[in-house]
Amino acid sequence: MESDEHVSVDDIFEGLSHNRRRLALQYFKQYENPIELDDLAERIARWEQTPTAVPAEVEVEAVRTALHRTHLPKLDELGFIEYQSEREAILTNNARITAAMENAIIVVGFLYDEPAGDDD
């Protein structure tokens, strides 16, 4: 996707439709480029556990595999990140993520605003 190409609202909501992608976006907001896949997988596995639980290595590996095969390619397709799968490194496009989130907020706000009604 071109960097100046507009991300459609449908694509934004599809990108946000899975919890792990939302957690990844939260992580990207907290850390600077480049982001390592192993660090991201470890953090998401922790967030998916109870606050005091430490995820087992098998759980971290399951998150890592899902990120690598499904979620990071999807976020890359949307232009939110550049996923360098051979290096397992992620470069975020924070300006694009912010613009997409602002657009989503506008749409959700519009959908939940009180409709203009008749005074009858």
PDB file of N, CA and C in Angstrom:
ATOM      1  N   MET A   1       0.838  -1.166   0.000  1.00  0.00           N
ATOM      2  CA  MET A   1       0.000   0.000   0.000  1.00  0.00           C
ATOM      3  C   MET A   1       0.889   1.237   0.000  1.00  0.00           C
ATOM      4  N   GLU A   2       0.623   2.185  -0.837  1.00  0.00           N
ATOM      5  CA  GLU A   2       1.392   3.410  -0.910  1.00  0.00           C
ATOM      6  C   GLU A   2       1.274   4.176   0.397  1.00  0.00           C
ATOM      7  N   SER A   3       2.337   4.871   0.776  1.00  0.00           N
ATOM      8  CA  SER A   3       2.310   5.577   2.050  1.00  0.00           C
ATOM      9  C   SER A   3       1.324   6.729   2.073  1.00  0.00           C
ATOM     10  N   ASP A   4       1.009   7.308   0.905  1.00  0.00           N
ATOM     11  CA  ASP A   4       0.055   8.407   0.886  1.00  0.00           C
ATOM     12  C   ASP A   4      -1.352   7.943   0.529  1.00  0.00           C
ATOM     13  N   GLU A   5      -1.523   6.655   0.306  1.00  0.00           N
ATOM     14  CA  GLU A   5      -2.835   6.104  -0.024  1.00  0.00           C
ATOM     15  C   GLU A   5      -3.712   6.072   1.228  1.00  0.00           C
ATOM     16  N   HIS A   6      -4.965   6.436   1.067  1.00  0.00           N
ATOM     17  CA  HIS A   6      -5.921   6.481   2.167  1.00  0.00           C
ATOM     18  C   HIS A   6      -6.346   5.063   2.557  1.00  0.00           C
ATOM     19  N   VAL A   7      -6.394   4.787   3.856  1.00  0.00           N
ATOM     20  CA  VAL A   7      -6.879   3.503   4.350  1.00  0.00           C
ATOM     21  C   VAL A   7      -8.383   3.636   4.549  1.00  0.00           C
ATOM     22  N   SER A   8      -9.140   2.738   3.939  1.00  0.00           N
ATOM     23  CA  SER A   8     -10.596   2.817   4.056  1.00  0.00           C
ATOM     24  C   SER A   8     -11.030   2.481   5.479  1.00  0.00           C
ATOM     25  N   VAL A   9     -12.188   2.976   5.847  1.00  0.00           N
ATOM     26  CA  VAL A   9     -12.755   2.696   7.168  1.00  0.00           C
ATOM     27  C   VAL A   9     -12.938   1.187   7.347  1.00  0.00           C
ATOM     28  N   ASP A  10     -13.413   0.507   6.318  1.00  0.00           N
ATOM     29  CA  ASP A  10     -13.591  -0.948   6.406  1.00  0.00           C
ATOM     30  C   ASP A  10     -12.261  -1.639   6.689  1.00  0.00           C
ATOM     31  N   ASP A  11     -11.190  -1.192   6.024  1.00  0.00           N
ATOM     32  CA  ASP A  11      -9.874  -1.780   6.259  1.00  0.00           C
ATOM     33  C   ASP A  11      -9.380  -1.502   7.678  1.00  0.00           C
ATOM     34  N   ILE A  12      -9.634  -0.296   8.165  1.00  0.00           N
ATOM     35  CA  ILE A  12      -9.237   0.036   9.534  1.00  0.00           C
ATOM     36  C   ILE A  12      -9.922  -0.901  10.514  1.00  0.00           C
ATOM     37  N   PHE A  13     -11.243  -1.055  10.375  1.00  0.00           N
ATOM     38  CA  PHE A  13     -11.974  -1.907  11.311  1.00  0.00           C
ATOM     39  C   PHE A  13     -11.595  -3.376  11.144  1.00  0.00           C
ATOM     40  N   GLU A  14     -11.292  -3.806   9.942  1.00  0.00           N
ATOM     41  CA  GLU A  14     -10.805  -5.173   9.756  1.00  0.00           C
ATOM     42  C   GLU A  14      -9.457  -5.337  10.461  1.00  0.00           C
ATOM     43  N   GLY A  15      -8.612  -4.329  10.341  1.00  0.00           N
ATOM     44  CA  GLY A  15      -7.323  -4.370  11.020  1.00  0.00           C
ATOM     45  C   GLY A  15      -7.451  -4.428  12.524  1.00  0.00           C
ATOM     46  N   LEU A  16      -8.482  -3.791  13.053  1.00  0.00           N
ATOM     47  CA  LEU A  16      -8.712  -3.762  14.498  1.00  0.00           C
ATOM     48  C   LEU A  16      -9.567  -4.924  14.993  1.00  0.00           C
ATOM     49  N   SER A  17     -10.001  -5.780  14.094  1.00  0.00           N
ATOM     50  CA  SER A  17     -10.978  -6.813  14.449  1.00  0.00           C
ATOM     51  C   SER A  17     -10.416  -7.927  15.331  1.00  0.00           C
ATOM     52  N   HIS A  18      -9.114  -8.055  15.418  1.00  0.00           N
ATOM     53  CA  HIS A  18      -8.542  -9.114  16.246  1.00  0.00           C
ATOM     54  C   HIS A  18      -7.799  -8.499  17.426  1.00  0.00           C
ATOM     55  N   ASN A  19      -8.011  -9.088  18.592  1.00  0.00           N
ATOM     56  CA  ASN A  19      -7.406  -8.585  19.817  1.00  0.00           C
ATOM     57  C   ASN A  19      -5.885  -8.477  19.719  1.00  0.00           C
ATOM     58  N   ARG A  20      -5.231  -9.435  19.117  1.00  0.00           N
ATOM     59  CA  ARG A  20      -3.759  -9.391  19.057  1.00  0.00           C
ATOM     60  C   ARG A  20      -3.269  -8.222  18.201  1.00  0.00           C
ATOM     61  N   ARG A  21      -4.006  -7.861  17.165  1.00  0.00           N
ATOM     62  CA  ARG A  21      -3.606  -6.687  16.383  1.00  0.00           C
ATOM     63  C   ARG A  21      -3.799  -5.416  17.201  1.00  0.00           C
ATOM     64  N   ARG A  22      -4.881  -5.352  17.978  1.00  0.00           N
ATOM     65  CA  ARG A  22      -5.089  -4.184  18.839  1.00  0.00           C
ATOM     66  C   ARG A  22      -3.991  -4.095  19.899  1.00  0.00           C
ATOM     67  N   LEU A  23      -3.619  -5.234  20.478  1.00  0.00           N
ATOM     68  CA  LEU A  23      -2.538  -5.238  21.462  1.00  0.00           C
ATOM     69  C   LEU A  23      -1.211  -4.841  20.827  1.00  0.00           C
ATOM     70  N   ALA A  24      -0.974  -5.296  19.608  1.00  0.00           N
ATOM     71  CA  ALA A  24       0.253  -4.905  18.901  1.00  0.00           C
ATOM     72  C   ALA A  24       0.293  -3.396  18.693  1.00  0.00           C
ATOM     73  N   LEU A  25      -0.823  -2.809  18.290  1.00  0.00           N
ATOM     74  CA  LEU A  25      -0.868  -1.358  18.100  1.00  0.00           C
ATOM     75  C   LEU A  25      -0.606  -0.634  19.422  1.00  0.00           C
ATOM     76  N   GLN A  26      -1.125  -1.170  20.513  1.00  0.00           N
ATOM     77  CA  GLN A  26      -0.860  -0.585  21.828  1.00  0.00           C
ATOM     78  C   GLN A  26       0.637  -0.648  22.142  1.00  0.00           C
ATOM     79  N   TYR A  27       1.247  -1.777  21.843  1.00  0.00           N
ATOM     80  CA  TYR A  27       2.686  -1.948  22.079  1.00  0.00           C
ATOM     81  C   TYR A  27       3.476  -0.953  21.228  1.00  0.00           C
ATOM     82  N   PHE A  28       3.097  -0.805  19.967  1.00  0.00           N
ATOM     83  CA  PHE A  28       3.807   0.102  19.062  1.00  0.00           C
ATOM     84  C   PHE A  28       3.787   1.534  19.587  1.00  0.00           C
ATOM     85  N   LYS A  29       2.701   1.884  20.266  1.00  0.00           N
ATOM     86  CA  LYS A  29       2.556   3.231  20.815  1.00  0.00           C
ATOM     87  C   LYS A  29       3.562   3.476  21.949  1.00  0.00           C
ATOM     88  N   GLN A  30       3.984   2.406  22.608  1.00  0.00           N
ATOM     89  CA  GLN A  30       4.844   2.519  23.783  1.00  0.00           C
ATOM     90  C   GLN A  30       6.337   2.386  23.491  1.00  0.00           C
ATOM     91  N   TYR A  31       6.682   1.797  22.346  1.00  0.00           N
ATOM     92  CA  TYR A  31       8.083   1.503  22.064  1.00  0.00           C
ATOM     93  C   TYR A  31       8.486   2.066  20.702  1.00  0.00           C
ATOM     94  N   GLU A  32       9.772   2.356  20.560  1.00  0.00           N
ATOM     95  CA  GLU A  32      10.288   2.959  19.332  1.00  0.00           C
ATOM     96  C   GLU A  32      10.848   1.905  18.385  1.00  0.00           C
ATOM     97  N   ASN A  33      10.957   2.289  17.133  1.00  0.00           N
ATOM     98  CA  ASN A  33      11.508   1.428  16.084  1.00  0.00           C
ATOM     99  C   ASN A  33      12.989   1.176  16.306  1.00  0.00           C
ATOM    100  N   PRO A  34      13.468   0.039  15.849  1.00  0.00           N
ATOM    101  CA  PRO A  34      12.710  -1.120  15.371  1.00  0.00           C
ATOM    102  C   PRO A  34      12.216  -1.954  16.555  1.00  0.00           C
ATOM    103  N   ILE A  35      11.147  -2.647  16.330  1.00  0.00           N
ATOM    104  CA  ILE A  35      10.553  -3.519  17.336  1.00  0.00           C
ATOM    105  C   ILE A  35      10.841  -4.958  16.931  1.00  0.00           C
ATOM    106  N   GLU A  36      11.291  -5.742  17.874  1.00  0.00           N
ATOM    107  CA  GLU A  36      11.623  -7.139  17.611  1.00  0.00           C
ATOM    108  C   GLU A  36      10.392  -8.019  17.844  1.00  0.00           C
ATOM    109  N   LEU A  37      10.190  -8.971  16.963  1.00  0.00           N
ATOM    110  CA  LEU A  37       9.053  -9.883  17.055  1.00  0.00           C
ATOM    111  C   LEU A  37       9.021 -10.608  18.395  1.00  0.00           C
ATOM    112  N   ASP A  38      10.154 -11.088  18.869  1.00  0.00           N
ATOM    113  CA  ASP A  38      10.176 -11.825  20.136  1.00  0.00           C
ATOM    114  C   ASP A  38       9.706 -10.961  21.306  1.00  0.00           C
ATOM    115  N   ASP A  39      10.117  -9.693  21.322  1.00  0.00           N
ATOM    116  CA  ASP A  39       9.692  -8.785  22.397  1.00  0.00           C
ATOM    117  C   ASP A  39       8.186  -8.548  22.338  1.00  0.00           C
ATOM    118  N   LEU A  40       7.672  -8.334  21.131  1.00  0.00           N
ATOM    119  CA  LEU A  40       6.240  -8.116  20.952  1.00  0.00           C
ATOM    120  C   LEU A  40       5.442  -9.352  21.379  1.00  0.00           C
ATOM    121  N   ALA A  41       5.877 -10.538  20.971  1.00  0.00           N
ATOM    122  CA  ALA A  41       5.175 -11.778  21.324  1.00  0.00           C
ATOM    123  C   ALA A  41       5.158 -11.988  22.830  1.00  0.00           C
ATOM    124  N   GLU A  42       6.276 -11.750  23.479  1.00  0.00           N
ATOM    125  CA  GLU A  42       6.365 -11.901  24.938  1.00  0.00           C
ATOM    126  C   GLU A  42       5.384 -10.960  25.633  1.00  0.00           C
ATOM    127  N   ARG A  43       5.335  -9.708  25.209  1.00  0.00           N
ATOM    128  CA  ARG A  43       4.447  -8.730  25.850  1.00  0.00           C
ATOM    129  C   ARG A  43       2.983  -9.089  25.631  1.00  0.00           C
ATOM    130  N   ILE A  44       2.614  -9.443  24.405  1.00  0.00           N
ATOM    131  CA  ILE A  44       1.216  -9.799  24.136  1.00  0.00           C
ATOM    132  C   ILE A  44       0.814 -11.039  24.922  1.00  0.00           C
ATOM    133  N   ALA A  45       1.690 -12.030  24.998  1.00  0.00           N
ATOM    134  CA  ALA A  45       1.394 -13.230  25.785  1.00  0.00           C
ATOM    135  C   ALA A  45       1.170 -12.852  27.251  1.00  0.00           C
ATOM    136  N   ARG A  46       1.952 -11.922  27.760  1.00  0.00           N
ATOM    137  CA  ARG A  46       1.762 -11.468  29.150  1.00  0.00           C
ATOM    138  C   ARG A  46       0.422 -10.757  29.305  1.00  0.00           C
ATOM    139  N   TRP A  47       0.089  -9.867  28.368  1.00  0.00           N
ATOM    140  CA  TRP A  47      -1.173  -9.141  28.441  1.00  0.00           C
ATOM    141  C   TRP A  47      -2.371 -10.086  28.370  1.00  0.00           C
ATOM    142  N   GLU A  48      -2.225 -11.193  27.672  1.00  0.00           N
ATOM    143  CA  GLU A  48      -3.331 -12.142  27.534  1.00  0.00           C
ATOM    144  C   GLU A  48      -3.520 -13.000  28.792  1.00  0.00           C
ATOM    145  N   GLN A  49      -2.532 -13.015  29.671  1.00  0.00           N
ATOM    146  CA  GLN A  49      -2.614 -13.766  30.927  1.00  0.00           C
ATOM    147  C   GLN A  49      -3.216 -12.882  32.014  1.00  0.00           C
ATOM    148  N   THR A  50      -3.484 -13.486  33.170  1.00  0.00           N
ATOM    149  CA  THR A  50      -3.872 -12.672  34.314  1.00  0.00           C
ATOM    150  C   THR A  50      -2.689 -11.785  34.664  1.00  0.00           C
ATOM    151  N   PRO A  51      -2.937 -10.663  35.318  1.00  0.00           N
ATOM    152  CA  PRO A  51      -1.853  -9.703  35.558  1.00  0.00           C
ATOM    153  C   PRO A  51      -0.609 -10.260  36.237  1.00  0.00           C
ATOM    154  N   THR A  52      -0.760 -11.259  37.090  1.00  0.00           N
ATOM    155  CA  THR A  52       0.405 -11.784  37.806  1.00  0.00           C
ATOM    156  C   THR A  52       0.998 -13.038  37.173  1.00  0.00           C
ATOM    157  N   ALA A  53       0.342 -13.604  36.178  1.00  0.00           N
ATOM    158  CA  ALA A  53       0.819 -14.851  35.572  1.00  0.00           C
ATOM    159  C   ALA A  53       1.946 -14.575  34.585  1.00  0.00           C
ATOM    160  N   VAL A  54       2.866 -15.495  34.541  1.00  0.00           N
ATOM    161  CA  VAL A  54       3.941 -15.450  33.554  1.00  0.00           C
ATOM    162  C   VAL A  54       3.608 -16.513  32.509  1.00  0.00           C
ATOM    163  N   PRO A  55       3.516 -16.115  31.241  1.00  0.00           N
ATOM    164  CA  PRO A  55       3.124 -17.091  30.218  1.00  0.00           C
ATOM    165  C   PRO A  55       4.201 -18.161  30.011  1.00  0.00           C
ATOM    166  N   ALA A  56       3.733 -19.358  29.763  1.00  0.00           N
ATOM    167  CA  ALA A  56       4.649 -20.453  29.444  1.00  0.00           C
ATOM    168  C   ALA A  56       5.255 -20.204  28.065  1.00  0.00           C
ATOM    169  N   GLU A  57       6.418 -20.775  27.840  1.00  0.00           N
ATOM    170  CA  GLU A  57       7.105 -20.587  26.555  1.00  0.00           C
ATOM    171  C   GLU A  57       6.234 -21.041  25.387  1.00  0.00           C
ATOM    172  N   VAL A  58       5.453 -22.095  25.582  1.00  0.00           N
ATOM    173  CA  VAL A  58       4.577 -22.577  24.513  1.00  0.00           C
ATOM    174  C   VAL A  58       3.516 -21.527  24.165  1.00  0.00           C
ATOM    175  N   GLU A  59       3.038 -20.779  25.153  1.00  0.00           N
ATOM    176  CA  GLU A  59       2.066 -19.715  24.891  1.00  0.00           C
ATOM    177  C   GLU A  59       2.712 -18.559  24.134  1.00  0.00           C
ATOM    178  N   VAL A  60       3.919 -18.195  24.534  1.00  0.00           N
ATOM    179  CA  VAL A  60       4.647 -17.125  23.832  1.00  0.00           C
ATOM    180  C   VAL A  60       4.895 -17.534  22.388  1.00  0.00           C
ATOM    181  N   GLU A  61       5.278 -18.780  22.177  1.00  0.00           N
ATOM    182  CA  GLU A  61       5.548 -19.272  20.820  1.00  0.00           C
ATOM    183  C   GLU A  61       4.281 -19.278  19.969  1.00  0.00           C
ATOM    184  N   ALA A  62       3.145 -19.606  20.563  1.00  0.00           N
ATOM    185  CA  ALA A  62       1.873 -19.581  19.830  1.00  0.00           C
ATOM    186  C   ALA A  62       1.525 -18.149  19.410  1.00  0.00           C
ATOM    187  N   VAL A  63       1.738 -17.193  20.304  1.00  0.00           N
ATOM    188  CA  VAL A  63       1.503 -15.786  19.957  1.00  0.00           C
ATOM    189  C   VAL A  63       2.460 -15.358  18.859  1.00  0.00           C
ATOM    190  N   ARG A  64       3.724 -15.713  19.002  1.00  0.00           N
ATOM    191  CA  ARG A  64       4.750 -15.352  18.016  1.00  0.00           C
ATOM    192  C   ARG A  64       4.388 -15.877  16.627  1.00  0.00           C
ATOM    193  N   THR A  65       3.974 -17.123  16.562  1.00  0.00           N
ATOM    194  CA  THR A  65       3.608 -17.734  15.284  1.00  0.00           C
ATOM    195  C   THR A  65       2.413 -17.028  14.662  1.00  0.00           C
ATOM    196  N   ALA A  66       1.395 -16.738  15.476  1.00  0.00           N
ATOM    197  CA  ALA A  66       0.206 -16.041  14.960  1.00  0.00           C
ATOM    198  C   ALA A  66       0.556 -14.642  14.467  1.00  0.00           C
ATOM    199  N   LEU A  67       1.412 -13.950  15.207  1.00  0.00           N
ATOM    200  CA  LEU A  67       1.842 -12.622  14.759  1.00  0.00           C
ATOM    201  C   LEU A  67       2.579 -12.717  13.434  1.00  0.00           C
ATOM    202  N   HIS A  68       3.526 -13.620  13.360  1.00  0.00           N
ATOM    203  CA  HIS A  68       4.368 -13.772  12.169  1.00  0.00           C
ATOM    204  C   HIS A  68       3.563 -14.157  10.925  1.00  0.00           C
ATOM    205  N   ARG A  69       2.648 -15.081  11.086  1.00  0.00           N
ATOM    206  CA  ARG A  69       1.915 -15.617   9.925  1.00  0.00           C
ATOM    207  C   ARG A  69       0.690 -14.789   9.542  1.00  0.00           C
ATOM    208  N   THR A  70       0.043 -14.175  10.505  1.00  0.00           N
ATOM    209  CA  THR A  70      -1.259 -13.563  10.243  1.00  0.00           C
ATOM    210  C   THR A  70      -1.307 -12.067  10.542  1.00  0.00           C
ATOM    211  N   HIS A  71      -1.040 -11.702  11.779  1.00  0.00           N
ATOM    212  CA  HIS A  71      -1.352 -10.344  12.233  1.00  0.00           C
ATOM    213  C   HIS A  71      -0.391  -9.279  11.721  1.00  0.00           C
ATOM    214  N   LEU A  72       0.910  -9.558  11.750  1.00  0.00           N
ATOM    215  CA  LEU A  72       1.853  -8.562  11.248  1.00  0.00           C
ATOM    216  C   LEU A  72       1.744  -8.379   9.736  1.00  0.00           C
ATOM    217  N   PRO A  73       1.563  -9.449   8.946  1.00  0.00           N
ATOM    218  CA  PRO A  73       1.333  -9.222   7.518  1.00  0.00           C
ATOM    219  C   PRO A  73       0.090  -8.371   7.247  1.00  0.00           C
ATOM    220  N   LYS A  74      -0.956  -8.543   8.055  1.00  0.00           N
ATOM    221  CA  LYS A  74      -2.179  -7.747   7.889  1.00  0.00           C
ATOM    222  C   LYS A  74      -1.897  -6.276   8.194  1.00  0.00           C
ATOM    223  N   LEU A  75      -1.201  -6.009   9.281  1.00  0.00           N
ATOM    224  CA  LEU A  75      -0.872  -4.628   9.628  1.00  0.00           C
ATOM    225  C   LEU A  75       0.080  -4.011   8.603  1.00  0.00           C
ATOM    226  N   ASP A  76       0.950  -4.834   8.036  1.00  0.00           N
ATOM    227  CA  ASP A  76       1.843  -4.373   6.960  1.00  0.00           C
ATOM    228  C   ASP A  76       1.029  -4.024   5.717  1.00  0.00           C
ATOM    229  N   GLU A  77       0.093  -4.880   5.362  1.00  0.00           N
ATOM    230  CA  GLU A  77      -0.775  -4.647   4.201  1.00  0.00           C
ATOM    231  C   GLU A  77      -1.524  -3.319   4.331  1.00  0.00           C
ATOM    232  N   LEU A  78      -1.924  -2.970   5.541  1.00  0.00           N
ATOM    233  CA  LEU A  78      -2.642  -1.723   5.789  1.00  0.00           C
ATOM    234  C   LEU A  78      -1.712  -0.511   5.816  1.00  0.00           C
ATOM    235  N   GLY A  79      -0.409  -0.756   5.822  1.00  0.00           N
ATOM    236  CA  GLY A  79       0.551   0.337   5.848  1.00  0.00           C
ATOM    237  C   GLY A  79       0.841   0.858   7.244  1.00  0.00           C
ATOM    238  N   PHE A  80       0.368   0.157   8.281  1.00  0.00           N
ATOM    239  CA  PHE A  80       0.618   0.590   9.650  1.00  0.00           C
ATOM    240  C   PHE A  80       2.053   0.289  10.080  1.00  0.00           C
ATOM    241  N   ILE A  81       2.621  -0.754   9.487  1.00  0.00           N
ATOM    242  CA  ILE A  81       3.987  -1.162   9.814  1.00  0.00           C
ATOM    243  C   ILE A  81       4.673  -1.623   8.534  1.00  0.00           C
ATOM    244  N   GLU A  82       5.978  -1.765   8.648  1.00  0.00           N
ATOM    245  CA  GLU A  82       6.743  -2.496   7.645  1.00  0.00           C
ATOM    246  C   GLU A  82       7.307  -3.690   8.392  1.00  0.00           C
ATOM    247  N   TYR A  83       6.842  -4.880   8.027  1.00  0.00           N
ATOM    248  CA  TYR A  83       7.292  -6.092   8.712  1.00  0.00           C
ATOM    249  C   TYR A  83       8.378  -6.739   7.885  1.00  0.00           C
ATOM    250  N   GLN A  84       9.574  -6.749   8.436  1.00  0.00           N
ATOM    251  CA  GLN A  84      10.718  -7.373   7.771  1.00  0.00           C
ATOM    252  C   GLN A  84      10.834  -8.794   8.318  1.00  0.00           C
ATOM    253  N   SER A  85      10.047  -9.692   7.706  1.00  0.00           N
ATOM    254  CA  SER A  85       9.914 -11.042   8.259  1.00  0.00           C
ATOM    255  C   SER A  85      11.230 -11.806   8.303  1.00  0.00           C
ATOM    256  N   GLU A  86      12.111 -11.579   7.349  1.00  0.00           N
ATOM    257  CA  GLU A  86      13.379 -12.294   7.348  1.00  0.00           C
ATOM    258  C   GLU A  86      14.257 -11.898   8.538  1.00  0.00           C
ATOM    259  N   ARG A  87      14.106 -10.660   9.014  1.00  0.00           N
ATOM    260  CA  ARG A  87      14.855 -10.177  10.183  1.00  0.00           C
ATOM    261  C   ARG A  87      14.013 -10.220  11.451  1.00  0.00           C
ATOM    262  N   GLU A  88      12.711 -10.499  11.287  1.00  0.00           N
ATOM    263  CA  GLU A  88      11.755 -10.495  12.384  1.00  0.00           C
ATOM    264  C   GLU A  88      11.765  -9.157  13.109  1.00  0.00           C
ATOM    265  N   ALA A  89      11.839  -8.087  12.289  1.00  0.00           N
ATOM    266  CA  ALA A  89      11.847  -6.723  12.808  1.00  0.00           C
ATOM    267  C   ALA A  89      10.634  -5.981  12.266  1.00  0.00           C
ATOM    268  N   ILE A  90      10.135  -5.071  13.075  1.00  0.00           N
ATOM    269  CA  ILE A  90       8.937  -4.317  12.729  1.00  0.00           C
ATOM    270  C   ILE A  90       9.272  -2.836  12.810  1.00  0.00           C
ATOM    271  N   LEU A  91       8.932  -2.105  11.752  1.00  0.00           N
ATOM    272  CA  LEU A  91       9.066  -0.652  11.739  1.00  0.00           C
ATOM    273  C   LEU A  91       7.665  -0.074  11.685  1.00  0.00           C
ATOM    274  N   THR A  92       7.320   0.711  12.669  1.00  0.00           N
ATOM    275  CA  THR A  92       5.965   1.258  12.728  1.00  0.00           C
ATOM    276  C   THR A  92       5.866   2.549  11.932  1.00  0.00           C
ATOM    277  N   ASN A  93       4.666   2.799  11.422  1.00  0.00           N
ATOM    278  CA  ASN A  93       4.347   4.048  10.737  1.00  0.00           C
ATOM    279  C   ASN A  93       3.344   4.768  11.638  1.00  0.00           C
ATOM    280  N   ASN A  94       3.862   5.430  12.666  1.00  0.00           N
ATOM    281  CA  ASN A  94       2.998   6.010  13.690  1.00  0.00           C
ATOM    282  C   ASN A  94       2.060   7.077  13.140  1.00  0.00           C
ATOM    283  N   ALA A  95       2.502   7.836  12.155  1.00  0.00           N
ATOM    284  CA  ALA A  95       1.631   8.861  11.577  1.00  0.00           C
ATOM    285  C   ALA A  95       0.424   8.213  10.907  1.00  0.00           C
ATOM    286  N   ARG A  96       0.657   7.131  10.191  1.00  0.00           N
ATOM    287  CA  ARG A  96      -0.444   6.436   9.516  1.00  0.00           C
ATOM    288  C   ARG A  96      -1.386   5.773  10.524  1.00  0.00           C
ATOM    289  N   ILE A  97      -0.816   5.181  11.581  1.00  0.00           N
ATOM    290  CA  ILE A  97      -1.642   4.562  12.613  1.00  0.00           C
ATOM    291  C   ILE A  97      -2.512   5.622  13.282  1.00  0.00           C
ATOM    292  N   THR A  98      -1.916   6.754  13.638  1.00  0.00           N
ATOM    293  CA  THR A  98      -2.664   7.829  14.293  1.00  0.00           C
ATOM    294  C   THR A  98      -3.779   8.342  13.403  1.00  0.00           C
ATOM    295  N   ALA A  99      -3.486   8.574  12.128  1.00  0.00           N
ATOM    296  CA  ALA A  99      -4.515   9.070  11.197  1.00  0.00           C
ATOM    297  C   ALA A  99      -5.655   8.061  11.065  1.00  0.00           C
ATOM    298  N   ALA A 100      -5.333   6.787  10.984  1.00  0.00           N
ATOM    299  CA  ALA A 100      -6.366   5.758  10.859  1.00  0.00           C
ATOM    300  C   ALA A 100      -7.225   5.691  12.114  1.00  0.00           C
ATOM    301  N   MET A 101      -6.592   5.782  13.285  1.00  0.00           N
ATOM    302  CA  MET A 101      -7.345   5.730  14.537  1.00  0.00           C
ATOM    303  C   MET A 101      -8.250   6.958  14.676  1.00  0.00           C
ATOM    304  N   GLU A 102      -7.762   8.121  14.281  1.00  0.00           N
ATOM    305  CA  GLU A 102      -8.591   9.323  14.326  1.00  0.00           C
ATOM    306  C   GLU A 102      -9.795   9.176  13.402  1.00  0.00           C
ATOM    307  N   ASN A 103      -9.582   8.597  12.230  1.00  0.00           N
ATOM    308  CA  ASN A 103     -10.672   8.354  11.293  1.00  0.00           C
ATOM    309  C   ASN A 103     -11.688   7.378  11.892  1.00  0.00           C
ATOM    310  N   ALA A 104     -11.208   6.320  12.531  1.00  0.00           N
ATOM    311  CA  ALA A 104     -12.105   5.343  13.160  1.00  0.00           C
ATOM    312  C   ALA A 104     -12.922   5.991  14.272  1.00  0.00           C
ATOM    313  N   ILE A 105     -12.299   6.864  15.057  1.00  0.00           N
ATOM    314  CA  ILE A 105     -13.012   7.552  16.135  1.00  0.00           C
ATOM    315  C   ILE A 105     -14.124   8.427  15.569  1.00  0.00           C
ATOM    316  N   ILE A 106     -13.846   9.109  14.477  1.00  0.00           N
ATOM    317  CA  ILE A 106     -14.864   9.949  13.833  1.00  0.00           C
ATOM    318  C   ILE A 106     -16.044   9.100  13.382  1.00  0.00           C
ATOM    319  N   VAL A 107     -15.753   7.962  12.753  1.00  0.00           N
ATOM    320  CA  VAL A 107     -16.815   7.083  12.257  1.00  0.00           C
ATOM    321  C   VAL A 107     -17.648   6.538  13.407  1.00  0.00           C
ATOM    322  N   VAL A 108     -16.987   6.058  14.448  1.00  0.00           N
ATOM    323  CA  VAL A 108     -17.722   5.518  15.596  1.00  0.00           C
ATOM    324  C   VAL A 108     -18.556   6.619  16.242  1.00  0.00           C
ATOM    325  N   GLY A 109     -18.001   7.796  16.382  1.00  0.00           N
ATOM    326  CA  GLY A 109     -18.750   8.918  16.937  1.00  0.00           C
ATOM    327  C   GLY A 109     -19.970   9.241  16.105  1.00  0.00           C
ATOM    328  N   PHE A 110     -19.815   9.230  14.801  1.00  0.00           N
ATOM    329  CA  PHE A 110     -20.937   9.492  13.898  1.00  0.00           C
ATOM    330  C   PHE A 110     -22.019   8.432  14.053  1.00  0.00           C
ATOM    331  N   LEU A 111     -21.612   7.177  14.168  1.00  0.00           N
ATOM    332  CA  LEU A 111     -22.581   6.085  14.280  1.00  0.00           C
ATOM    333  C   LEU A 111     -23.371   6.151  15.581  1.00  0.00           C
ATOM    334  N   TYR A 112     -22.754   6.675  16.631  1.00  0.00           N
ATOM    335  CA  TYR A 112     -23.418   6.696  17.935  1.00  0.00           C
ATOM    336  C   TYR A 112     -23.977   8.045  18.331  1.00  0.00           C
ATOM    337  N   ASP A 113     -23.848   9.044  17.465  1.00  0.00           N
ATOM    338  CA  ASP A 113     -24.485  10.344  17.732  1.00  0.00           C
ATOM    339  C   ASP A 113     -25.999  10.187  17.664  1.00  0.00           C
ATOM    340  N   GLU A 114     -26.667  11.003  18.425  1.00  0.00           N
ATOM    341  CA  GLU A 114     -28.129  11.017  18.390  1.00  0.00           C
ATOM    342  C   GLU A 114     -28.563  11.483  17.008  1.00  0.00           C
ATOM    343  N   PRO A 115     -29.465  10.748  16.377  1.00  0.00           N
ATOM    344  CA  PRO A 115     -29.931  11.171  15.065  1.00  0.00           C
ATOM    345  C   PRO A 115     -30.749  12.463  15.183  1.00  0.00           C
ATOM    346  N   ALA A 116     -30.647  13.269  14.142  1.00  0.00           N
ATOM    347  CA  ALA A 116     -31.467  14.493  14.104  1.00  0.00           C
ATOM    348  C   ALA A 116     -32.898  14.034  13.920  1.00  0.00           C
ATOM    349  N   GLY A 117     -33.738  14.374  14.847  1.00  0.00           N
ATOM    350  CA  GLY A 117     -35.109  13.903  14.799  1.00  0.00           C
ATOM    351  C   GLY A 117     -36.076  15.027  14.518  1.00  0.00           C
ATOM    352  N   ASP A 118     -37.269  14.642  14.219  1.00  0.00           N
ATOM    353  CA  ASP A 118     -38.335  15.620  14.038  1.00  0.00           C
ATOM    354  C   ASP A 118     -38.799  16.056  15.410  1.00  0.00           C
ATOM    355  N   ASP A 119     -39.261  17.266  15.481  1.00  0.00           N
ATOM    356  CA  ASP A 119     -39.757  17.803  16.745  1.00  0.00           C
ATOM    357  C   ASP A 119     -41.218  17.456  16.958  1.00  0.00           C
ATOM    358  N   ASP A 120     -41.786  16.608  16.144  1.00  0.00           N
ATOM    359  CA  ASP A 120     -43.211  16.241  16.254  1.00  0.00           C
ATOM    360  C   ASP A 120     -43.460  15.432  17.495  1.00  0.00           C
TER     361      ASP A 120
END
